[in-house]
PDB file of all heavy atoms in Angstrom:
ATOM      1  N   PHE A   1     102.224  59.356 127.704  1.00  0.00           N
ATOM      2  CA  PHE A   1     103.696  59.226 127.745  1.00  0.00           C
ATOM      3  C   PHE A   1     104.361  60.437 128.377  1.00  0.00           C
ATOM      4  O   PHE A   1     105.570  60.622 128.233  1.00  0.00           O
ATOM      5  CB  PHE A   1     104.310  59.012 126.348  1.00  0.00           C
ATOM      6  CG  PHE A   1     103.641  57.861 125.646  1.00  0.00           C
ATOM      7  CD1 PHE A   1     102.803  58.111 124.548  1.00  0.00           C
ATOM      8  CD2 PHE A   1     103.799  56.557 126.070  1.00  0.00           C
ATOM      9  CE1 PHE A   1     102.160  57.034 123.891  1.00  0.00           C
ATOM     10  CE2 PHE A   1     103.148  55.526 125.389  1.00  0.00           C
ATOM     11  CZ  PHE A   1     102.364  55.751 124.338  1.00  0.00           C
ATOM     12  N   GLY A   2     103.640  61.296 129.052  1.00  0.00           N
ATOM     13  CA  GLY A   2     104.199  62.461 129.711  1.00  0.00           C
ATOM     14  C   GLY A   2     104.638  63.553 128.747  1.00  0.00           C
ATOM     15  O   GLY A   2     105.309  64.495 129.110  1.00  0.00           O
ATOM     16  N   LEU A   3     104.308  63.371 127.457  1.00  0.00           N
ATOM     17  CA  LEU A   3     104.761  64.282 126.388  1.00  0.00           C
ATOM     18  C   LEU A   3     104.222  65.702 126.581  1.00  0.00           C
ATOM     19  O   LEU A   3     105.023  66.670 126.475  1.00  0.00           O
ATOM     20  CB  LEU A   3     104.429  63.717 125.008  1.00  0.00           C
ATOM     21  CG  LEU A   3     104.937  64.517 123.832  1.00  0.00           C
ATOM     22  CD1 LEU A   3     106.473  64.513 123.872  1.00  0.00           C
ATOM     23  CD2 LEU A   3     104.491  63.920 122.557  1.00  0.00           C
ATOM     24  N   PRO A   4     102.904  65.913 126.860  1.00  0.00           N
ATOM     25  CA  PRO A   4     102.468  67.325 127.046  1.00  0.00           C
ATOM     26  C   PRO A   4     103.220  67.999 128.196  1.00  0.00           C
ATOM     27  O   PRO A   4     103.474  69.197 128.138  1.00  0.00           O
ATOM     28  CB  PRO A   4     100.957  67.159 127.322  1.00  0.00           C
ATOM     29  CG  PRO A   4     100.605  65.904 126.672  1.00  0.00           C
ATOM     30  CD  PRO A   4     101.817  65.041 126.816  1.00  0.00           C
ATOM     31  N   SER A   5     103.523  67.270 129.268  1.00  0.00           N
ATOM     32  CA  SER A   5     104.246  67.851 130.425  1.00  0.00           C
ATOM     33  C   SER A   5     105.652  68.302 129.951  1.00  0.00           C
ATOM     34  O   SER A   5     106.090  69.396 130.322  1.00  0.00           O
ATOM     35  CB  SER A   5     104.388  66.852 131.562  1.00  0.00           C
ATOM     36  OG  SER A   5     103.122  66.491 132.088  1.00  0.00           O
ATOM     37  N   ILE A   6     106.293  67.445 129.206  1.00  0.00           N
ATOM     38  CA  ILE A   6     107.668  67.766 128.744  1.00  0.00           C
ATOM     39  C   ILE A   6     107.581  69.011 127.818  1.00  0.00           C
ATOM     40  O   ILE A   6     108.440  69.942 127.970  1.00  0.00           O
ATOM     41  CB  ILE A   6     108.226  66.575 127.969  1.00  0.00           C
ATOM     42  CG1 ILE A   6     108.524  65.459 128.967  1.00  0.00           C
ATOM     43  CG2 ILE A   6     109.570  66.946 127.292  1.00  0.00           C
ATOM     44  CD1 ILE A   6     108.857  64.134 128.305  1.00  0.00           C
ATOM     45  N   LEU A   7     106.615  69.034 126.941  1.00  0.00           N
ATOM     46  CA  LEU A   7     106.519  70.241 126.063  1.00  0.00           C
ATOM     47  C   LEU A   7     106.181  71.513 126.858  1.00  0.00           C
ATOM     48  O   LEU A   7     106.728  72.574 126.617  1.00  0.00           O
ATOM     49  CB  LEU A   7     105.398  69.990 125.009  1.00  0.00           C
ATOM     50  CG  LEU A   7     105.688  68.960 123.938  1.00  0.00           C
ATOM     51  CD1 LEU A   7     104.461  68.670 123.102  1.00  0.00           C
ATOM     52  CD2 LEU A   7     106.805  69.445 123.065  1.00  0.00           C
ATOM     53  N   ALA A   8     105.336  71.399 127.872  1.00  0.00           N
ATOM     54  CA  ALA A   8     105.019  72.566 128.733  1.00  0.00           C
ATOM     55  C   ALA A   8     106.279  73.064 129.454  1.00  0.00           C
ATOM     56  O   ALA A   8     106.502  74.265 129.507  1.00  0.00           O
ATOM     57  CB  ALA A   8     103.958  72.231 129.693  1.00  0.00           C
ATOM     58  N   ILE A   9     107.094  72.157 129.953  1.00  0.00           N
ATOM     59  CA  ILE A   9     108.308  72.535 130.630  1.00  0.00           C
ATOM     60  C   ILE A   9     109.352  73.179 129.705  1.00  0.00           C
ATOM     61  O   ILE A   9     109.868  74.225 130.035  1.00  0.00           O
ATOM     62  CB  ILE A   9     108.886  71.312 131.406  1.00  0.00           C
ATOM     63  CG1 ILE A   9     107.996  70.888 132.488  1.00  0.00           C
ATOM     64  CG2 ILE A   9     110.298  71.621 131.916  1.00  0.00           C
ATOM     65  CD1 ILE A   9     108.270  69.513 133.113  1.00  0.00           C
ATOM     66  N   VAL A  10     109.489  72.566 128.528  1.00  0.00           N
ATOM     67  CA  VAL A  10     110.448  73.176 127.542  1.00  0.00           C
ATOM     68  C   VAL A  10     110.008  74.526 127.083  1.00  0.00           C
ATOM     69  O   VAL A  10     110.786  75.492 127.076  1.00  0.00           O
ATOM     70  CB  VAL A  10     110.646  72.173 126.367  1.00  0.00           C
ATOM     71  CG1 VAL A  10     111.385  72.842 125.202  1.00  0.00           C
ATOM     72  CG2 VAL A  10     111.368  70.909 126.825  1.00  0.00           C
ATOM     73  N   PHE A  11     108.734  74.641 126.689  1.00  0.00           N
ATOM     74  CA  PHE A  11     108.172  75.904 126.184  1.00  0.00           C
ATOM     75  C   PHE A  11     108.182  76.923 127.375  1.00  0.00           C
ATOM     76  O   PHE A  11     108.392  78.152 127.154  1.00  0.00           O
ATOM     77  CB  PHE A  11     106.814  75.816 125.563  1.00  0.00           C
ATOM     78  CG  PHE A  11     106.838  75.230 124.223  1.00  0.00           C
ATOM     79  CD1 PHE A  11     106.006  74.147 123.873  1.00  0.00           C
ATOM     80  CD2 PHE A  11     107.671  75.755 123.199  1.00  0.00           C
ATOM     81  CE1 PHE A  11     106.036  73.608 122.585  1.00  0.00           C
ATOM     82  CE2 PHE A  11     107.671  75.223 121.902  1.00  0.00           C
ATOM     83  CZ  PHE A  11     106.853  74.152 121.643  1.00  0.00           C
ATOM     84  N   GLY A  12     107.960  76.508 128.598  1.00  0.00           N
ATOM     85  CA  GLY A  12     107.935  77.421 129.693  1.00  0.00           C
ATOM     86  C   GLY A  12     109.337  78.014 129.961  1.00  0.00           C
ATOM     87  O   GLY A  12     109.471  79.220 130.196  1.00  0.00           O
ATOM     88  N   ALA A  13     110.368  77.162 129.794  1.00  0.00           N
ATOM     89  CA  ALA A  13     111.738  77.661 129.965  1.00  0.00           C
ATOM     90  C   ALA A  13     112.098  78.645 128.849  1.00  0.00           C
ATOM     91  O   ALA A  13     112.667  79.714 129.114  1.00  0.00           O
ATOM     92  CB  ALA A  13     112.721  76.499 129.996  1.00  0.00           C
ATOM     93  N   GLN A  14     111.723  78.276 127.625  1.00  0.00           N
ATOM     94  CA  GLN A  14     111.943  79.204 126.491  1.00  0.00           C
ATOM     95  C   GLN A  14     111.204  80.491 126.653  1.00  0.00           C
ATOM     96  O   GLN A  14     111.721  81.576 126.354  1.00  0.00           O
ATOM     97  CB  GLN A  14     111.530  78.550 125.147  1.00  0.00           C
ATOM     98  CG  GLN A  14     112.404  77.401 124.719  1.00  0.00           C
ATOM     99  CD  GLN A  14     111.873  76.773 123.464  1.00  0.00           C
ATOM    100  OE1 GLN A  14     110.768  76.950 123.025  1.00  0.00           O
ATOM    101  NE2 GLN A  14     112.712  75.887 122.875  1.00  0.00           N
ATOM    102  N   GLY A  15     109.930  80.432 127.129  1.00  0.00           N
ATOM    103  CA  GLY A  15     109.124  81.593 127.312  1.00  0.00           C
ATOM    104  C   GLY A  15     109.719  82.540 128.368  1.00  0.00           C
ATOM    105  O   GLY A  15     109.667  83.728 128.249  1.00  0.00           O
ATOM    106  N   ARG A  16     110.219  81.956 129.450  1.00  0.00           N
ATOM    107  CA  ARG A  16     110.840  82.811 130.494  1.00  0.00           C
ATOM    108  C   ARG A  16     112.067  83.481 130.000  1.00  0.00           C
ATOM    109  O   ARG A  16     112.375  84.651 130.304  1.00  0.00           O
ATOM    110  CB  ARG A  16     111.124  81.994 131.763  1.00  0.00           C
ATOM    111  CG  ARG A  16     109.841  81.671 132.528  1.00  0.00           C
ATOM    112  CD  ARG A  16     110.125  81.000 133.874  1.00  0.00           C
ATOM    113  NE  ARG A  16     111.055  81.687 134.684  1.00  0.00           N
ATOM    114  CZ  ARG A  16     110.808  82.641 135.537  1.00  0.00           C
ATOM    115  NH1 ARG A  16     109.529  83.046 135.681  1.00  0.00           N
ATOM    116  NH2 ARG A  16     111.693  83.198 136.295  1.00  0.00           N
ATOM    117  N   LYS A  17     112.887  82.760 129.164  1.00  0.00           N
ATOM    118  CA  LYS A  17     114.074  83.360 128.611  1.00  0.00           C
ATOM    119  C   LYS A  17     113.731  84.535 127.672  1.00  0.00           C
ATOM    120  O   LYS A  17     114.330  85.627 127.726  1.00  0.00           O
ATOM    121  CB  LYS A  17     114.905  82.291 127.883  1.00  0.00           C
ATOM    122  CG  LYS A  17     116.228  82.796 127.332  1.00  0.00           C
ATOM    123  CD  LYS A  17     117.001  81.691 126.685  1.00  0.00           C
ATOM    124  CE  LYS A  17     118.336  82.210 126.144  1.00  0.00           C
ATOM    125  NZ  LYS A  17     119.096  81.154 125.491  1.00  0.00           N
ATOM    126  N   LEU A  18     112.726  84.317 126.829  1.00  0.00           N
ATOM    127  CA  LEU A  18     112.309  85.379 125.928  1.00  0.00           C
ATOM    128  C   LEU A  18     111.712  86.564 126.695  1.00  0.00           C
ATOM    129  O   LEU A  18     111.884  87.708 126.296  1.00  0.00           O
ATOM    130  CB  LEU A  18     111.285  84.811 124.923  1.00  0.00           C
ATOM    131  CG  LEU A  18     110.710  85.828 123.893  1.00  0.00           C
ATOM    132  CD1 LEU A  18     111.848  86.421 123.077  1.00  0.00           C
ATOM    133  CD2 LEU A  18     109.757  85.109 122.952  1.00  0.00           C
ATOM    134  N   ALA A  19     110.968  86.248 127.810  1.00  0.00           N
ATOM    135  CA  ALA A  19     110.426  87.314 128.631  1.00  0.00           C
ATOM    136  C   ALA A  19     111.516  88.188 129.224  1.00  0.00           C
ATOM    137  O   ALA A  19     111.360  89.425 129.237  1.00  0.00           O
ATOM    138  CB  ALA A  19     109.565  86.674 129.720  1.00  0.00           C
ATOM    139  N   GLU A  20     112.619  87.635 129.647  1.00  0.00           N
ATOM    140  CA  GLU A  20     113.742  88.404 130.143  1.00  0.00           C
ATOM    141  C   GLU A  20     114.258  89.344 129.096  1.00  0.00           C
ATOM    142  O   GLU A  20     114.551  90.476 129.342  1.00  0.00           O
ATOM    143  CB  GLU A  20     114.850  87.497 130.638  1.00  0.00           C
ATOM    144  CG  GLU A  20     114.536  86.795 131.948  1.00  0.00           C
ATOM    145  CD  GLU A  20     115.655  85.866 132.378  1.00  0.00           C
ATOM    146  OE1 GLU A  20     116.777  86.026 131.901  1.00  0.00           O
ATOM    147  OE2 GLU A  20     115.387  84.946 133.204  1.00  0.00           O
ATOM    148  N   GLN A  21     114.386  88.844 127.859  1.00  0.00           N
ATOM    149  CA  GLN A  21     114.942  89.630 126.726  1.00  0.00           C
ATOM    150  C   GLN A  21     113.938  90.760 126.421  1.00  0.00           C
ATOM    151  O   GLN A  21     114.370  91.898 126.185  1.00  0.00           O
ATOM    152  CB  GLN A  21     115.117  88.753 125.494  1.00  0.00           C
ATOM    153  CG  GLN A  21     116.222  87.764 125.637  1.00  0.00           C
ATOM    154  CD  GLN A  21     116.307  86.739 124.457  1.00  0.00           C
ATOM    155  OE1 GLN A  21     115.429  86.777 123.643  1.00  0.00           O
ATOM    156  NE2 GLN A  21     117.331  85.908 124.454  1.00  0.00           N
ATOM    157  N   LEU A  22     112.674  90.457 126.424  1.00  0.00           N
ATOM    158  CA  LEU A  22     111.658  91.517 126.065  1.00  0.00           C
ATOM    159  C   LEU A  22     111.648  92.584 127.218  1.00  0.00           C
ATOM    160  O   LEU A  22     111.520  93.762 126.925  1.00  0.00           O
ATOM    161  CB  LEU A  22     110.268  90.889 125.972  1.00  0.00           C
ATOM    162  CG  LEU A  22     110.093  89.952 124.737  1.00  0.00           C
ATOM    163  CD1 LEU A  22     108.738  89.307 124.776  1.00  0.00           C
ATOM    164  CD2 LEU A  22     110.302  90.721 123.443  1.00  0.00           C
ATOM    165  N   GLU A  23     111.733  92.154 128.466  1.00  0.00           N
ATOM    166  CA  GLU A  23     111.768  93.115 129.542  1.00  0.00           C
ATOM    167  C   GLU A  23     113.002  93.997 129.521  1.00  0.00           C
ATOM    168  O   GLU A  23     112.924  95.194 129.791  1.00  0.00           O
ATOM    169  CB  GLU A  23     111.615  92.419 130.857  1.00  0.00           C
ATOM    170  CG  GLU A  23     110.269  91.840 131.195  1.00  0.00           C
ATOM    171  CD  GLU A  23     110.191  90.956 132.402  1.00  0.00           C
ATOM    172  OE1 GLU A  23     111.247  90.666 133.003  1.00  0.00           O
ATOM    173  OE2 GLU A  23     109.079  90.426 132.668  1.00  0.00           O
ATOM    174  N   SER A  24     114.137  93.444 129.185  1.00  0.00           N
ATOM    175  CA  SER A  24     115.342  94.243 129.110  1.00  0.00           C
ATOM    176  C   SER A  24     115.301  95.205 127.914  1.00  0.00           C
ATOM    177  O   SER A  24     115.952  96.252 127.944  1.00  0.00           O
ATOM    178  CB  SER A  24     116.587  93.341 128.975  1.00  0.00           C
ATOM    179  OG  SER A  24     116.626  92.670 127.729  1.00  0.00           O
ATOM    180  N   ALA A  25     114.462  94.907 126.889  1.00  0.00           N
ATOM    181  CA  ALA A  25     114.263  95.793 125.760  1.00  0.00           C
ATOM    182  C   ALA A  25     113.205  96.816 126.036  1.00  0.00           C
ATOM    183  O   ALA A  25     112.996  97.726 125.194  1.00  0.00           O
ATOM    184  CB  ALA A  25     113.898  94.998 124.511  1.00  0.00           C
ATOM    185  N   GLY A  26     112.535  96.743 127.218  1.00  0.00           N
ATOM    186  CA  GLY A  26     111.579  97.771 127.602  1.00  0.00           C
ATOM    187  C   GLY A  26     110.131  97.418 127.326  1.00  0.00           C
ATOM    188  O   GLY A  26     109.282  98.265 127.440  1.00  0.00           O
ATOM    189  N   GLN A  27     109.906  96.222 126.854  1.00  0.00           N
ATOM    190  CA  GLN A  27     108.504  95.865 126.519  1.00  0.00           C
ATOM    191  C   GLN A  27     107.791  95.464 127.815  1.00  0.00           C
ATOM    192  O   GLN A  27     108.292  94.619 128.595  1.00  0.00           O
ATOM    193  CB  GLN A  27     108.463  94.701 125.498  1.00  0.00           C
ATOM    194  CG  GLN A  27     107.059  94.389 125.067  1.00  0.00           C
ATOM    195  CD  GLN A  27     107.056  93.450 123.892  1.00  0.00           C
ATOM    196  OE1 GLN A  27     107.979  93.466 123.028  1.00  0.00           O
ATOM    197  NE2 GLN A  27     106.057  92.615 123.839  1.00  0.00           N
ATOM    198  N   ARG A  28     106.646  96.064 128.059  1.00  0.00           N
ATOM    199  CA  ARG A  28     105.886  95.838 129.351  1.00  0.00           C
ATOM    200  C   ARG A  28     105.248  94.454 129.352  1.00  0.00           C
ATOM    201  O   ARG A  28     105.304  93.738 130.345  1.00  0.00           O
ATOM    202  CB  ARG A  28     104.902  96.911 129.520  1.00  0.00           C
ATOM    203  CG  ARG A  28     105.516  98.258 129.756  1.00  0.00           C
ATOM    204  CD  ARG A  28     104.554  99.365 129.894  1.00  0.00           C
ATOM    205  NE  ARG A  28     103.574  99.006 130.992  1.00  0.00           N
ATOM    206  CZ  ARG A  28     102.565  99.723 131.278  1.00  0.00           C
ATOM    207  NH1 ARG A  28     102.345 100.857 130.661  1.00  0.00           N
ATOM    208  NH2 ARG A  28     101.702  99.372 132.291  1.00  0.00           N
ATOM    209  N   GLU A  29     104.621  94.080 128.282  1.00  0.00           N
ATOM    210  CA  GLU A  29     103.919  92.760 128.201  1.00  0.00           C
ATOM    211  C   GLU A  29     104.866  91.707 127.691  1.00  0.00           C
ATOM    212  O   GLU A  29     104.992  91.475 126.509  1.00  0.00           O
ATOM    213  CB  GLU A  29     102.670  92.854 127.332  1.00  0.00           C
ATOM    214  CG  GLU A  29     101.577  93.827 127.793  1.00  0.00           C
ATOM    215  CD  GLU A  29     100.956  93.345 129.067  1.00  0.00           C
ATOM    216  OE1 GLU A  29     100.798  92.159 129.244  1.00  0.00           O
ATOM    217  OE2 GLU A  29     100.600  94.201 129.868  1.00  0.00           O
ATOM    218  N   SER A  30     105.562  91.061 128.620  1.00  0.00           N
ATOM    219  CA  SER A  30     106.612  90.115 128.204  1.00  0.00           C
ATOM    220  C   SER A  30     106.124  88.672 128.184  1.00  0.00           C
ATOM    221  O   SER A  30     106.810  87.836 127.601  1.00  0.00           O
ATOM    222  CB  SER A  30     107.826  90.233 129.163  1.00  0.00           C
ATOM    223  OG  SER A  30     107.460  89.772 130.454  1.00  0.00           O
ATOM    224  N   GLY A  31     105.000  88.352 128.865  1.00  0.00           N
ATOM    225  CA  GLY A  31     104.570  86.958 128.874  1.00  0.00           C
ATOM    226  C   GLY A  31     105.194  86.145 129.965  1.00  0.00           C
ATOM    227  O   GLY A  31     105.068  84.911 130.000  1.00  0.00           O
ATOM    228  N   ARG A  32     105.881  86.804 130.905  1.00  0.00           N
ATOM    229  CA  ARG A  32     106.537  86.065 131.989  1.00  0.00           C
ATOM    230  C   ARG A  32     105.507  85.240 132.819  1.00  0.00           C
ATOM    231  O   ARG A  32     105.809  84.094 133.182  1.00  0.00           O
ATOM    232  CB  ARG A  32     107.323  86.974 132.887  1.00  0.00           C
ATOM    233  CG  ARG A  32     108.027  86.244 134.071  1.00  0.00           C
ATOM    234  CD  ARG A  32     108.751  87.248 134.971  1.00  0.00           C
ATOM    235  NE  ARG A  32     109.841  87.888 134.270  1.00  0.00           N
ATOM    236  CZ  ARG A  32     111.094  87.385 134.127  1.00  0.00           C
ATOM    237  NH1 ARG A  32     111.339  86.197 134.648  1.00  0.00           N
ATOM    238  NH2 ARG A  32     112.034  88.042 133.544  1.00  0.00           N
ATOM    239  N   GLY A  33     104.376  85.809 133.106  1.00  0.00           N
ATOM    240  CA  GLY A  33     103.362  85.167 133.900  1.00  0.00           C
ATOM    241  C   GLY A  33     102.883  83.875 133.209  1.00  0.00           C
ATOM    242  O   GLY A  33     102.707  82.797 133.829  1.00  0.00           O
ATOM    243  N   ARG A  34     102.577  83.972 131.885  1.00  0.00           N
ATOM    244  CA  ARG A  34     102.159  82.773 131.145  1.00  0.00           C
ATOM    245  C   ARG A  34     103.207  81.715 131.131  1.00  0.00           C
ATOM    246  O   ARG A  34     102.932  80.530 131.267  1.00  0.00           O
ATOM    247  CB  ARG A  34     101.773  83.176 129.728  1.00  0.00           C
ATOM    248  CG  ARG A  34     100.369  83.753 129.576  1.00  0.00           C
ATOM    249  CD  ARG A  34     100.117  84.163 128.165  1.00  0.00           C
ATOM    250  NE  ARG A  34     100.883  85.354 127.911  1.00  0.00           N
ATOM    251  CZ  ARG A  34     101.407  85.705 126.718  1.00  0.00           C
ATOM    252  NH1 ARG A  34     101.252  84.962 125.698  1.00  0.00           N
ATOM    253  NH2 ARG A  34     102.102  86.802 126.616  1.00  0.00           N
ATOM    254  N   ALA A  35     104.471  82.154 130.901  1.00  0.00           N
ATOM    255  CA  ALA A  35     105.572  81.169 130.837  1.00  0.00           C
ATOM    256  C   ALA A  35     105.750  80.461 132.204  1.00  0.00           C
ATOM    257  O   ALA A  35     105.884  79.284 132.239  1.00  0.00           O
ATOM    258  CB  ALA A  35     106.854  81.880 130.455  1.00  0.00           C
ATOM    259  N   THR A  36     105.658  81.218 133.255  1.00  0.00           N
ATOM    260  CA  THR A  36     105.829  80.670 134.611  1.00  0.00           C
ATOM    261  C   THR A  36     104.654  79.721 134.928  1.00  0.00           C
ATOM    262  O   THR A  36     104.889  78.617 135.432  1.00  0.00           O
ATOM    263  CB  THR A  36     105.962  81.727 135.677  1.00  0.00           C
ATOM    264  OG1 THR A  36     107.046  82.603 135.321  1.00  0.00           O
ATOM    265  CG2 THR A  36     106.217  81.178 137.060  1.00  0.00           C
TER     266      THR A  36
END
């Protein structure tokens, strides 16, 4: 039903947003690559 794809896209968007916050706080390992 395309559900895993939808979950990957939603979590990817959330992960990129969290990565931006972590990078602005100075954390080096933000997970941006995994999210993308």
